Amino acid sequence: MSLWPVEDEGTRKLMKLFYSHLLEESEETVGGETRPTIKWKLSSCAALQRAMLEMINEGWPPEVWASFIVIGV
């Protein structure tokens, strides 16, 4: 959830980073059939924190990434 309106480019970047920390895509073979699988890597709070730290390190200003919070699990 965002607490205030933010630009599209910064949001797109933050969400890509967030999901890259949150989920891990892989493939699993069951009975000779290969299927894509998704596994959790981090909690949503930890994933958002890492994404925000990457945004800081890349020089993005806080008004682009600081409005986002995690609600729920």
PDB file of N, CA and C in Angstrom:
ATOM      1  N   MET A   1       0.842  -1.171   0.000  1.00  0.00           N
ATOM      2  CA  MET A   1       0.000   0.000   0.000  1.00  0.00           C
ATOM      3  C   MET A   1       0.892   1.240   0.000  1.00  0.00           C
ATOM      4  N   SER A   2       0.457   2.255  -0.704  1.00  0.00           N
ATOM      5  CA  SER A   2       1.190   3.512  -0.752  1.00  0.00           C
ATOM      6  C   SER A   2       0.445   4.568   0.060  1.00  0.00           C
ATOM      7  N   LEU A   3       1.171   5.337   0.853  1.00  0.00           N
ATOM      8  CA  LEU A   3       0.558   6.359   1.694  1.00  0.00           C
ATOM      9  C   LEU A   3       0.320   7.670   0.965  1.00  0.00           C
ATOM     10  N   TRP A   4       0.986   7.863  -0.179  1.00  0.00           N
ATOM     11  CA  TRP A   4       0.758   9.052  -0.993  1.00  0.00           C
ATOM     12  C   TRP A   4       1.057   8.715  -2.444  1.00  0.00           C
ATOM     13  N   PRO A   5       0.575   9.533  -3.387  1.00  0.00           N
ATOM     14  CA  PRO A   5       0.834   9.256  -4.804  1.00  0.00           C
ATOM     15  C   PRO A   5       2.328   9.281  -5.116  1.00  0.00           C
ATOM     16  N   VAL A   6       2.760   8.346  -5.931  1.00  0.00           N
ATOM     17  CA  VAL A   6       4.170   8.258  -6.314  1.00  0.00           C
ATOM     18  C   VAL A   6       4.275   8.073  -7.823  1.00  0.00           C
ATOM     19  N   GLU A   7       5.458   8.347  -8.351  1.00  0.00           N
ATOM     20  CA  GLU A   7       5.667   8.241  -9.787  1.00  0.00           C
ATOM     21  C   GLU A   7       5.723   6.782 -10.240  1.00  0.00           C
ATOM     22  N   ASP A   8       5.360   6.544 -11.496  1.00  0.00           N
ATOM     23  CA  ASP A   8       5.313   5.192 -12.037  1.00  0.00           C
ATOM     24  C   ASP A   8       6.686   4.528 -12.123  1.00  0.00           C
ATOM     25  N   GLU A   9       7.696   5.260 -12.578  1.00  0.00           N
ATOM     26  CA  GLU A   9       9.025   4.667 -12.766  1.00  0.00           C
ATOM     27  C   GLU A   9       9.607   4.154 -11.449  1.00  0.00           C
ATOM     28  N   GLY A  10       9.528   4.957 -10.401  1.00  0.00           N
ATOM     29  CA  GLY A  10      10.047   4.552  -9.104  1.00  0.00           C
ATOM     30  C   GLY A  10       9.264   3.392  -8.509  1.00  0.00           C
ATOM     31  N   THR A  11       7.943   3.414  -8.691  1.00  0.00           N
ATOM     32  CA  THR A  11       7.101   2.324  -8.190  1.00  0.00           C
ATOM     33  C   THR A  11       7.437   1.024  -8.901  1.00  0.00           C
ATOM     34  N   ARG A  12       7.591   1.088 -10.212  1.00  0.00           N
ATOM     35  CA  ARG A  12       7.936  -0.102 -10.996  1.00  0.00           C
ATOM     36  C   ARG A  12       9.261  -0.698 -10.518  1.00  0.00           C
ATOM     37  N   LYS A  13      10.251   0.156 -10.303  1.00  0.00           N
ATOM     38  CA  LYS A  13      11.564  -0.293  -9.839  1.00  0.00           C
ATOM     39  C   LYS A  13      11.468  -0.929  -8.454  1.00  0.00           C
ATOM     40  N   LEU A  14      10.777  -0.258  -7.535  1.00  0.00           N
ATOM     41  CA  LEU A  14      10.640  -0.776  -6.172  1.00  0.00           C
ATOM     42  C   LEU A  14       9.923  -2.118  -6.162  1.00  0.00           C
ATOM     43  N   MET A  15       8.847  -2.253  -6.930  1.00  0.00           N
ATOM     44  CA  MET A  15       8.092  -3.503  -6.945  1.00  0.00           C
ATOM     45  C   MET A  15       8.892  -4.649  -7.556  1.00  0.00           C
ATOM     46  N   LYS A  16       9.677  -4.362  -8.575  1.00  0.00           N
ATOM     47  CA  LYS A  16      10.539  -5.407  -9.151  1.00  0.00           C
ATOM     48  C   LYS A  16      11.546  -5.891  -8.108  1.00  0.00           C
ATOM     49  N   LEU A  17      12.148  -4.954  -7.385  1.00  0.00           N
ATOM     50  CA  LEU A  17      13.094  -5.328  -6.332  1.00  0.00           C
ATOM     51  C   LEU A  17      12.385  -6.089  -5.216  1.00  0.00           C
ATOM     52  N   PHE A  18      11.229  -5.605  -4.801  1.00  0.00           N
ATOM     53  CA  PHE A  18      10.459  -6.237  -3.732  1.00  0.00           C
ATOM     54  C   PHE A  18      10.170  -7.697  -4.062  1.00  0.00           C
ATOM     55  N   TYR A  19       9.619  -7.952  -5.246  1.00  0.00           N
ATOM     56  CA  TYR A  19       9.259  -9.325  -5.604  1.00  0.00           C
ATOM     57  C   TYR A  19      10.487 -10.198  -5.846  1.00  0.00           C
ATOM     58  N   SER A  20      11.594  -9.604  -6.264  1.00  0.00           N
ATOM     59  CA  SER A  20      12.809 -10.411  -6.433  1.00  0.00           C
ATOM     60  C   SER A  20      13.342 -10.885  -5.086  1.00  0.00           C
ATOM     61  N   HIS A  21      13.094 -10.118  -4.028  1.00  0.00           N
ATOM     62  CA  HIS A  21      13.501 -10.531  -2.680  1.00  0.00           C
ATOM     63  C   HIS A  21      12.457 -11.428  -2.019  1.00  0.00           C
ATOM     64  N   LEU A  22      11.217 -11.287  -2.403  1.00  0.00           N
ATOM     65  CA  LEU A  22      10.120 -12.025  -1.775  1.00  0.00           C
ATOM     66  C   LEU A  22      10.013 -13.458  -2.298  1.00  0.00           C
ATOM     67  N   LEU A  23      10.108 -13.634  -3.611  1.00  0.00           N
ATOM     68  CA  LEU A  23       9.841 -14.926  -4.235  1.00  0.00           C
ATOM     69  C   LEU A  23      11.029 -15.449  -5.030  1.00  0.00           C
ATOM     70  N   GLU A  24      11.107 -16.761  -5.116  1.00  0.00           N
ATOM     71  CA  GLU A  24      12.146 -17.415  -5.912  1.00  0.00           C
ATOM     72  C   GLU A  24      11.451 -18.362  -6.877  1.00  0.00           C
ATOM     73  N   GLU A  25      11.681 -18.159  -8.163  1.00  0.00           N
ATOM     74  CA  GLU A  25      11.090 -19.032  -9.168  1.00  0.00           C
ATOM     75  C   GLU A  25      12.064 -20.156  -9.486  1.00  0.00           C
ATOM     76  N   SER A  26      11.517 -21.358  -9.652  1.00  0.00           N
ATOM     77  CA  SER A  26      12.346 -22.506 -10.032  1.00  0.00           C
ATOM     78  C   SER A  26      11.456 -23.497 -10.769  1.00  0.00           C
ATOM     79  N   GLU A  27      12.039 -24.636 -11.107  1.00  0.00           N
ATOM     80  CA  GLU A  27      11.271 -25.688 -11.769  1.00  0.00           C
ATOM     81  C   GLU A  27      11.368 -26.960 -10.939  1.00  0.00           C
ATOM     82  N   GLU A  28      10.322 -27.750 -10.987  1.00  0.00           N
ATOM     83  CA  GLU A  28      10.254 -28.968 -10.213  1.00  0.00           C
ATOM     84  C   GLU A  28       9.774 -30.074 -11.146  1.00  0.00           C
ATOM     85  N   THR A  29      10.422 -31.236 -11.090  1.00  0.00           N
ATOM     86  CA  THR A  29      10.008 -32.362 -11.913  1.00  0.00           C
ATOM     87  C   THR A  29       9.278 -33.378 -11.046  1.00  0.00           C
ATOM     88  N   VAL A  30       8.050 -33.655 -11.428  1.00  0.00           N
ATOM     89  CA  VAL A  30       7.219 -34.622 -10.709  1.00  0.00           C
ATOM     90  C   VAL A  30       6.641 -35.592 -11.722  1.00  0.00           C
ATOM     91  N   GLY A  31       6.971 -36.867 -11.560  1.00  0.00           N
ATOM     92  CA  GLY A  31       6.452 -37.878 -12.479  1.00  0.00           C
ATOM     93  C   GLY A  31       6.847 -37.645 -13.916  1.00  0.00           C
ATOM     94  N   GLY A  32       8.058 -37.139 -14.136  1.00  0.00           N
ATOM     95  CA  GLY A  32       8.548 -36.892 -15.484  1.00  0.00           C
ATOM     96  C   GLY A  32       8.055 -35.586 -16.093  1.00  0.00           C
ATOM     97  N   GLU A  33       7.227 -34.850 -15.370  1.00  0.00           N
ATOM     98  CA  GLU A  33       6.693 -33.581 -15.871  1.00  0.00           C
ATOM     99  C   GLU A  33       7.352 -32.421 -15.119  1.00  0.00           C
ATOM    100  N   THR A  34       7.894 -31.463 -15.862  1.00  0.00           N
ATOM    101  CA  THR A  34       8.531 -30.302 -15.258  1.00  0.00           C
ATOM    102  C   THR A  34       7.517 -29.178 -15.134  1.00  0.00           C
ATOM    103  N   ARG A  35       7.419 -28.629 -13.903  1.00  0.00           N
ATOM    104  CA  ARG A  35       6.469 -27.551 -13.639  1.00  0.00           C
ATOM    105  C   ARG A  35       7.186 -26.378 -12.983  1.00  0.00           C
ATOM    106  N   PRO A  36       6.756 -25.161 -13.303  1.00  0.00           N
ATOM    107  CA  PRO A  36       7.331 -24.005 -12.599  1.00  0.00           C
ATOM    108  C   PRO A  36       6.819 -23.971 -11.158  1.00  0.00           C
ATOM    109  N   THR A  37       7.669 -23.590 -10.243  1.00  0.00           N
ATOM    110  CA  THR A  37       7.273 -23.450  -8.844  1.00  0.00           C
ATOM    111  C   THR A  37       7.744 -22.098  -8.321  1.00  0.00           C
ATOM    112  N   ILE A  38       7.065 -21.616  -7.319  1.00  0.00           N
ATOM    113  CA  ILE A  38       7.440 -20.363  -6.676  1.00  0.00           C
ATOM    114  C   ILE A  38       7.570 -20.630  -5.186  1.00  0.00           C
ATOM    115  N   LYS A  39       8.685 -20.195  -4.611  1.00  0.00           N
ATOM    116  CA  LYS A  39       8.934 -20.394  -3.185  1.00  0.00           C
ATOM    117  C   LYS A  39       9.177 -19.042  -2.532  1.00  0.00           C
ATOM    118  N   TRP A  40       8.801 -18.947  -1.263  1.00  0.00           N
ATOM    119  CA  TRP A  40       9.056 -17.728  -0.499  1.00  0.00           C
ATOM    120  C   TRP A  40      10.524 -17.677  -0.101  1.00  0.00           C
ATOM    121  N   LYS A  41      11.160 -16.525  -0.304  1.00  0.00           N
ATOM    122  CA  LYS A  41      12.544 -16.332   0.137  1.00  0.00           C
ATOM    123  C   LYS A  41      12.595 -15.576   1.451  1.00  0.00           C
ATOM    124  N   LEU A  42      11.824 -14.518   1.566  1.00  0.00           N
ATOM    125  CA  LEU A  42      11.806 -13.656   2.754  1.00  0.00           C
ATOM    126  C   LEU A  42      10.366 -13.312   3.119  1.00  0.00           C
ATOM    127  N   SER A  43      10.180 -12.777   4.317  1.00  0.00           N
ATOM    128  CA  SER A  43       8.864 -12.243   4.669  1.00  0.00           C
ATOM    129  C   SER A  43       8.616 -10.984   3.839  1.00  0.00           C
ATOM    130  N   SER A  44       7.373 -10.580   3.747  1.00  0.00           N
ATOM    131  CA  SER A  44       7.060  -9.385   2.958  1.00  0.00           C
ATOM    132  C   SER A  44       7.721  -8.139   3.548  1.00  0.00           C
ATOM    133  N   CYS A  45       7.791  -8.054   4.881  1.00  0.00           N
ATOM    134  CA  CYS A  45       8.439  -6.891   5.518  1.00  0.00           C
ATOM    135  C   CYS A  45       9.928  -6.843   5.212  1.00  0.00           C
ATOM    136  N   ALA A  46      10.597  -7.987   5.312  1.00  0.00           N
ATOM    137  CA  ALA A  46      12.035  -8.046   5.033  1.00  0.00           C
ATOM    138  C   ALA A  46      12.313  -7.762   3.559  1.00  0.00           C
ATOM    139  N   ALA A  47      11.465  -8.273   2.674  1.00  0.00           N
ATOM    140  CA  ALA A  47      11.644  -8.034   1.242  1.00  0.00           C
ATOM    141  C   ALA A  47      11.489  -6.553   0.907  1.00  0.00           C
ATOM    142  N   LEU A  48      10.494  -5.884   1.514  1.00  0.00           N
ATOM    143  CA  LEU A  48      10.311  -4.457   1.269  1.00  0.00           C
ATOM    144  C   LEU A  48      11.486  -3.664   1.821  1.00  0.00           C
ATOM    145  N   GLN A  49      11.967  -4.034   2.986  1.00  0.00           N
ATOM    146  CA  GLN A  49      13.121  -3.339   3.569  1.00  0.00           C
ATOM    147  C   GLN A  49      14.342  -3.449   2.656  1.00  0.00           C
ATOM    148  N   ARG A  50      14.616  -4.635   2.147  1.00  0.00           N
ATOM    149  CA  ARG A  50      15.767  -4.802   1.248  1.00  0.00           C
ATOM    150  C   ARG A  50      15.599  -4.016  -0.039  1.00  0.00           C
ATOM    151  N   ALA A  51      14.380  -4.011  -0.571  1.00  0.00           N
ATOM    152  CA  ALA A  51      14.110  -3.236  -1.787  1.00  0.00           C
ATOM    153  C   ALA A  51      14.337  -1.750  -1.541  1.00  0.00           C
ATOM    154  N   MET A  52      13.877  -1.259  -0.399  1.00  0.00           N
ATOM    155  CA  MET A  52      14.064   0.160  -0.060  1.00  0.00           C
ATOM    156  C   MET A  52      15.549   0.490   0.123  1.00  0.00           C
ATOM    157  N   LEU A  53      16.296  -0.406   0.747  1.00  0.00           N
ATOM    158  CA  LEU A  53      17.735  -0.175   0.912  1.00  0.00           C
ATOM    159  C   LEU A  53      18.452  -0.121  -0.438  1.00  0.00           C
ATOM    160  N   GLU A  54      18.021  -0.970  -1.368  1.00  0.00           N
ATOM    161  CA  GLU A  54      18.604  -0.917  -2.713  1.00  0.00           C
ATOM    162  C   GLU A  54      18.269   0.404  -3.399  1.00  0.00           C
ATOM    163  N   MET A  55      17.046   0.882  -3.219  1.00  0.00           N
ATOM    164  CA  MET A  55      16.661   2.172  -3.803  1.00  0.00           C
ATOM    165  C   MET A  55      17.525   3.294  -3.233  1.00  0.00           C
ATOM    166  N   ILE A  56      17.769   3.264  -1.929  1.00  0.00           N
ATOM    167  CA  ILE A  56      18.633   4.263  -1.286  1.00  0.00           C
ATOM    168  C   ILE A  56      20.033   4.198  -1.890  1.00  0.00           C
ATOM    169  N   ASN A  57      20.579   2.991  -1.987  1.00  0.00           N
ATOM    170  CA  ASN A  57      21.941   2.816  -2.512  1.00  0.00           C
ATOM    171  C   ASN A  57      22.074   3.241  -3.971  1.00  0.00           C
ATOM    172  N   GLU A  58      20.974   3.183  -4.712  1.00  0.00           N
ATOM    173  CA  GLU A  58      20.986   3.602  -6.113  1.00  0.00           C
ATOM    174  C   GLU A  58      20.691   5.090  -6.276  1.00  0.00           C
ATOM    175  N   GLY A  59      20.459   5.778  -5.151  1.00  0.00           N
ATOM    176  CA  GLY A  59      20.269   7.226  -5.201  1.00  0.00           C
ATOM    177  C   GLY A  59      18.844   7.714  -5.420  1.00  0.00           C
ATOM    178  N   TRP A  60      17.857   6.829  -5.296  1.00  0.00           N
ATOM    179  CA  TRP A  60      16.469   7.256  -5.448  1.00  0.00           C
ATOM    180  C   TRP A  60      16.061   8.078  -4.226  1.00  0.00           C
ATOM    181  N   PRO A  61      15.376   9.191  -4.397  1.00  0.00           N
ATOM    182  CA  PRO A  61      14.961  10.023  -3.260  1.00  0.00           C
ATOM    183  C   PRO A  61      13.840   9.343  -2.465  1.00  0.00           C
ATOM    184  N   PRO A  62      13.747   9.628  -1.160  1.00  0.00           N
ATOM    185  CA  PRO A  62      12.739   8.992  -0.304  1.00  0.00           C
ATOM    186  C   PRO A  62      11.296   9.189  -0.763  1.00  0.00           C
ATOM    187  N   GLU A  63      10.984  10.296  -1.396  1.00  0.00           N
ATOM    188  CA  GLU A  63       9.599  10.501  -1.812  1.00  0.00           C
ATOM    189  C   GLU A  63       9.147   9.473  -2.850  1.00  0.00           C
ATOM    190  N   VAL A  64      10.094   8.787  -3.472  1.00  0.00           N
ATOM    191  CA  VAL A  64       9.764   7.754  -4.457  1.00  0.00           C
ATOM    192  C   VAL A  64       9.436   6.420  -3.776  1.00  0.00           C
ATOM    193  N   TRP A  65      10.162   6.035  -2.748  1.00  0.00           N
ATOM    194  CA  TRP A  65      10.023   4.704  -2.162  1.00  0.00           C
ATOM    195  C   TRP A  65       9.471   4.677  -0.739  1.00  0.00           C
ATOM    196  N   ALA A  66       9.528   5.778  -0.003  1.00  0.00           N
ATOM    197  CA  ALA A  66       9.178   5.765   1.429  1.00  0.00           C
ATOM    198  C   ALA A  66       7.680   5.680   1.701  1.00  0.00           C
ATOM    199  N   SER A  67       6.843   5.858   0.709  1.00  0.00           N
ATOM    200  CA  SER A  67       5.399   5.844   0.952  1.00  0.00           C
ATOM    201  C   SER A  67       4.829   4.436   1.064  1.00  0.00           C
ATOM    202  N   PHE A  68       5.628   3.427   0.743  1.00  0.00           N
ATOM    203  CA  PHE A  68       5.104   2.062   0.713  1.00  0.00           C
ATOM    204  C   PHE A  68       5.226   1.370   2.067  1.00  0.00           C
ATOM    205  N   ILE A  69       4.140   0.678   2.448  1.00  0.00           N
ATOM    206  CA  ILE A  69       4.120  -0.086   3.693  1.00  0.00           C
ATOM    207  C   ILE A  69       3.501  -1.454   3.414  1.00  0.00           C
ATOM    208  N   VAL A  70       3.768  -2.402   4.283  1.00  0.00           N
ATOM    209  CA  VAL A  70       3.166  -3.732   4.185  1.00  0.00           C
ATOM    210  C   VAL A  70       2.012  -3.806   5.176  1.00  0.00           C
ATOM    211  N   ILE A  71       0.873  -4.289   4.711  1.00  0.00           N
ATOM    212  CA  ILE A  71      -0.276  -4.497   5.585  1.00  0.00           C
ATOM    213  C   ILE A  71      -0.610  -5.977   5.556  1.00  0.00           C
ATOM    214  N   GLY A  72      -0.750  -6.587   6.706  1.00  0.00           N
ATOM    215  CA  GLY A  72      -1.041  -8.014   6.778  1.00  0.00           C
ATOM    216  C   GLY A  72       0.230  -8.835   6.738  1.00  0.00           C
ATOM    217  N   VAL A  73       0.063 -10.098   6.400  1.00  0.00           N
ATOM    218  CA  VAL A  73       1.199 -11.022   6.426  1.00  0.00           C
ATOM    219  C   VAL A  73       1.721 -11.248   5.034  1.00  0.00           C
TER     220      VAL A  73
END
